[in-house]
Amino acid sequence: MALFGLFRRKPHERAGFELYGAAVTAARTPYFFAELGVPDTLDGRFDLVGLHVALVIRRLHRDPDPRGAALAQAVFDAMFADMDTNLREMGVGDMSIAKRVKRMWEAFHGRAQAYEAPLAEGDTAALAAALARNVWRGTVEPSEAAPRRLAELAMAADAALAQQSVDDLLRGQVRFPEVAA
C-alpha cells in the first residue's frame, strides 16, 4: 500500500502548475521588455516571473481559506520544479543544480519579501525602488518612468488578484490585468 503513495499527486499540484503557467505567460508580455526596458536576459525574465509568482502567492496567503496556503506552496513548488528543469535543459550539470536552484530560491524569497511591505502599504514609490534595485540591478533610478510604471502595474495586478475567488484559483484559473501603455 505504501508504494502507491509514491505515485499519488500532491493536493493542488495541477492548479499550482496552472497558476504558475499563467504567471509565466503574464511575465512574458512583450511590453515589459520593449517599452519598459526590462533586460531580456535570464535574470530579467526570472525577475518578472518572480514578481508575478510572488503576487499570486501573496494573494493566496491572504485568503482566509486554509487551502490558499497549500495552493501557494503548490505554486512555489511548480516554479522551482520548472527552474530545475530549465537548468537541466540549458546543460547545467547535475552536481551544481541544487546549488543553483537554492540561489534562485533565495533570490525569489528576498524579492518577495522586498515587495511585500510596499504592496501591503500601497507604496508605489517604495515598490519602484525595490523593482529598480532587483529588475534593473540598480542601473535605473526608482524615480524613472520604467520602475514607476512596473510598480503601478504590479499594484494593479495585486488589486485584481485580490478580487478573484479562491475557488477559481483552486481550479487553476487566474487573470492578470491586460498590460497597456
Protein backbone atom coordinates (compact mmCIF):
# COMPACT_ATOMS: atom_id res chain seq x y z
CA MET A 1 0.00 0.00 0.00
CA ALA A 2 2.85 2.44 0.79
CA LEU A 3 4.22 2.01 -2.73
CA PHE A 4 1.07 3.51 -4.24
CA GLY A 5 1.61 6.63 -2.14
CA LEU A 6 4.71 7.37 -4.21
CA PHE A 7 2.56 7.84 -7.29
CA ARG A 8 -0.15 9.93 -5.70
CA ARG A 9 -0.33 13.54 -6.72
CA LYS A 10 0.03 16.23 -4.11
CA PRO A 11 -3.08 18.25 -3.34
CA HIS A 12 -3.37 21.28 -5.61
CA GLU A 13 -0.41 20.19 -7.77
CA ARG A 14 -2.25 20.64 -11.08
CA ALA A 15 -3.72 24.00 -10.02
CA GLY A 16 -0.29 25.11 -8.80
CA PHE A 17 1.22 24.40 -12.22
CA GLU A 18 -1.71 26.15 -13.95
CA LEU A 19 -1.29 29.28 -11.81
CA TYR A 20 2.46 29.22 -12.29
CA GLY A 21 1.98 28.90 -16.06
CA ALA A 22 -0.36 31.89 -16.07
CA ALA A 23 2.21 33.91 -14.11
CA VAL A 24 4.91 32.99 -16.63
CA THR A 25 2.65 33.98 -19.52
CA ALA A 26 1.90 37.33 -17.87
CA ALA A 27 5.62 37.88 -17.19
CA ARG A 28 6.46 37.30 -20.85
CA THR A 29 4.30 40.20 -22.01
CA PRO A 30 6.42 41.99 -24.65
CA TYR A 31 5.55 45.40 -23.17
CA PHE A 32 7.85 44.77 -20.21
CA PHE A 33 10.86 44.29 -22.47
CA ALA A 34 10.04 46.58 -25.39
CA GLU A 35 8.53 49.54 -23.57
CA LEU A 36 9.88 49.34 -20.02
CA GLY A 37 13.34 48.15 -20.98
CA VAL A 38 13.41 45.16 -18.65
CA PRO A 39 16.56 43.31 -19.71
CA ASP A 40 15.61 40.41 -21.98
CA THR A 41 18.06 38.12 -20.22
CA LEU A 42 17.75 35.10 -17.96
CA ASP A 43 17.94 37.44 -14.97
CA GLY A 44 15.37 39.86 -16.38
CA ARG A 45 12.95 37.07 -17.21
CA PHE A 46 13.49 35.45 -13.82
CA ASP A 47 12.72 38.76 -12.09
CA LEU A 48 9.46 39.23 -13.98
CA VAL A 49 8.37 35.63 -13.41
CA GLY A 50 9.31 36.01 -9.74
CA LEU A 51 7.28 39.20 -9.44
CA HIS A 52 4.17 37.61 -10.95
CA VAL A 53 4.53 34.42 -8.91
CA ALA A 54 5.05 36.48 -5.75
CA LEU A 55 1.82 38.33 -6.49
CA VAL A 56 -0.09 35.04 -6.87
CA ILE A 57 1.43 33.60 -3.70
CA ARG A 58 0.69 36.83 -1.82
CA ARG A 59 -2.95 36.61 -2.91
CA LEU A 60 -3.21 33.01 -1.77
CA HIS A 61 -1.60 33.67 1.61
CA ARG A 62 -4.06 36.49 2.30
CA ASP A 63 -7.07 34.23 1.80
CA PRO A 64 -8.76 33.04 4.99
CA ASP A 65 -9.44 29.68 3.33
CA PRO A 66 -6.75 27.29 4.59
CA ARG A 67 -6.47 25.79 1.11
CA GLY A 68 -4.94 29.10 -0.01
CA ALA A 69 -1.67 28.42 1.82
CA ALA A 70 -1.50 24.88 0.42
CA LEU A 71 -2.10 26.19 -3.08
CA ALA A 72 0.56 28.88 -2.57
CA GLN A 73 3.01 26.10 -1.72
CA ALA A 74 1.97 24.23 -4.87
CA VAL A 75 2.66 27.35 -6.99
CA PHE A 76 6.07 27.73 -5.35
CA ASP A 77 6.82 24.03 -5.93
CA ALA A 78 5.78 24.35 -9.59
CA MET A 79 8.07 27.34 -10.07
CA PHE A 80 11.12 25.60 -8.69
CA ALA A 81 10.39 22.31 -10.45
CA ASP A 82 10.34 24.37 -13.66
CA MET A 83 13.57 26.16 -12.73
CA ASP A 84 15.24 22.79 -12.12
CA THR A 85 14.01 21.51 -15.50
CA ASN A 86 15.14 24.66 -17.30
CA LEU A 87 18.62 24.48 -15.80
CA ARG A 88 18.93 20.85 -16.88
CA GLU A 89 17.77 21.74 -20.40
CA MET A 90 20.39 24.50 -20.52
CA GLY A 91 23.03 21.88 -19.78
CA VAL A 92 23.80 22.73 -16.17
CA GLY A 93 25.44 19.70 -14.62
CA ASP A 94 23.64 17.59 -12.03
CA MET A 95 26.26 18.39 -9.40
CA SER A 96 25.52 22.11 -9.47
CA ILE A 97 21.73 22.05 -10.00
CA ALA A 98 20.93 22.02 -6.28
CA LYS A 99 23.20 24.99 -5.56
CA ARG A 100 21.80 26.99 -8.48
CA VAL A 101 18.20 26.26 -7.51
CA LYS A 102 18.97 27.21 -3.91
CA ARG A 103 20.40 30.56 -5.06
CA MET A 104 17.31 31.11 -7.20
CA TRP A 105 15.07 30.28 -4.23
CA GLU A 106 16.98 32.75 -2.06
CA ALA A 107 16.73 35.43 -4.75
CA PHE A 108 12.99 34.83 -5.15
CA HIS A 109 12.40 34.85 -1.41
CA GLY A 110 14.36 38.06 -0.93
CA ARG A 111 12.50 39.79 -3.72
CA ALA A 112 9.09 38.61 -2.50
CA GLN A 113 9.93 39.98 0.95
CA ALA A 114 11.12 43.28 -0.54
CA TYR A 115 7.84 43.66 -2.43
CA GLU A 116 5.54 42.64 0.43
CA ALA A 117 5.58 45.81 2.56
CA PRO A 118 5.19 48.25 -0.36
CA LEU A 119 2.32 46.17 -1.74
CA ALA A 120 0.64 45.94 1.68
CA GLU A 121 1.02 49.68 2.24
CA GLY A 122 0.14 50.69 -1.33
CA ASP A 123 3.50 52.47 -1.53
CA THR A 124 4.22 52.66 -5.25
CA ALA A 125 7.44 54.65 -4.74
CA ALA A 126 8.89 52.03 -2.37
CA LEU A 127 7.88 49.25 -4.75
CA ALA A 128 9.50 51.13 -7.65
CA ALA A 129 12.70 51.38 -5.59
CA ALA A 130 12.69 47.62 -4.93
CA LEU A 131 11.97 46.87 -8.59
CA ALA A 132 14.71 49.25 -9.80
CA ARG A 133 17.18 47.52 -7.49
CA ASN A 134 16.15 43.98 -8.48
CA VAL A 135 14.84 44.03 -12.04
CA TRP A 136 17.24 46.62 -13.43
CA ARG A 137 20.04 45.80 -10.95
CA GLY A 138 20.31 49.47 -9.96
CA THR A 139 21.01 50.71 -13.49
CA VAL A 140 17.91 52.95 -13.43
CA GLU A 141 16.69 55.28 -10.73
CA PRO A 142 13.48 54.38 -8.91
CA SER A 143 12.02 57.74 -9.95
CA GLU A 144 12.41 56.93 -13.65
CA ALA A 145 9.36 56.03 -15.70
CA ALA A 146 10.07 52.30 -16.14
CA PRO A 147 10.28 51.23 -12.48
CA ARG A 148 7.37 53.54 -11.60
CA ARG A 149 5.23 52.01 -14.36
CA LEU A 150 6.16 48.44 -13.41
CA ALA A 151 5.29 49.25 -9.79
CA GLU A 152 1.91 50.65 -10.91
CA LEU A 153 1.26 47.51 -12.96
CA ALA A 154 2.22 45.28 -10.02
CA MET A 155 -0.11 47.25 -7.73
CA ALA A 156 -2.94 46.86 -10.27
CA ALA A 157 -2.26 43.13 -10.58
CA ASP A 158 -2.22 42.77 -6.80
CA ALA A 159 -5.62 44.51 -6.57
CA ALA A 160 -7.04 42.41 -9.43
CA LEU A 161 -5.82 39.17 -7.86
CA ALA A 162 -7.42 40.15 -4.55
CA GLN A 163 -10.81 40.24 -6.30
CA GLN A 164 -10.51 36.71 -7.69
CA SER A 165 -12.20 33.90 -5.83
CA VAL A 166 -10.20 31.22 -4.13
CA ASP A 167 -12.42 28.66 -5.87
CA ASP A 168 -11.26 29.93 -9.27
CA LEU A 169 -7.66 29.86 -8.09
CA LEU A 170 -8.10 26.32 -6.79
CA ARG A 171 -9.25 25.36 -10.30
CA GLY A 172 -6.02 26.88 -11.65
CA GLN A 173 -7.78 29.91 -13.10
CA VAL A 174 -6.17 33.32 -12.62
CA ARG A 175 -6.47 36.52 -14.60
CA PHE A 176 -3.77 39.14 -14.68
CA PRO A 177 -4.84 42.58 -15.92
CA GLU A 178 -4.07 43.44 -19.52
CA VAL A 179 -0.90 45.50 -19.77
CA ALA A 180 -1.27 48.67 -21.79
CA ALA A 181 0.93 51.73 -22.22
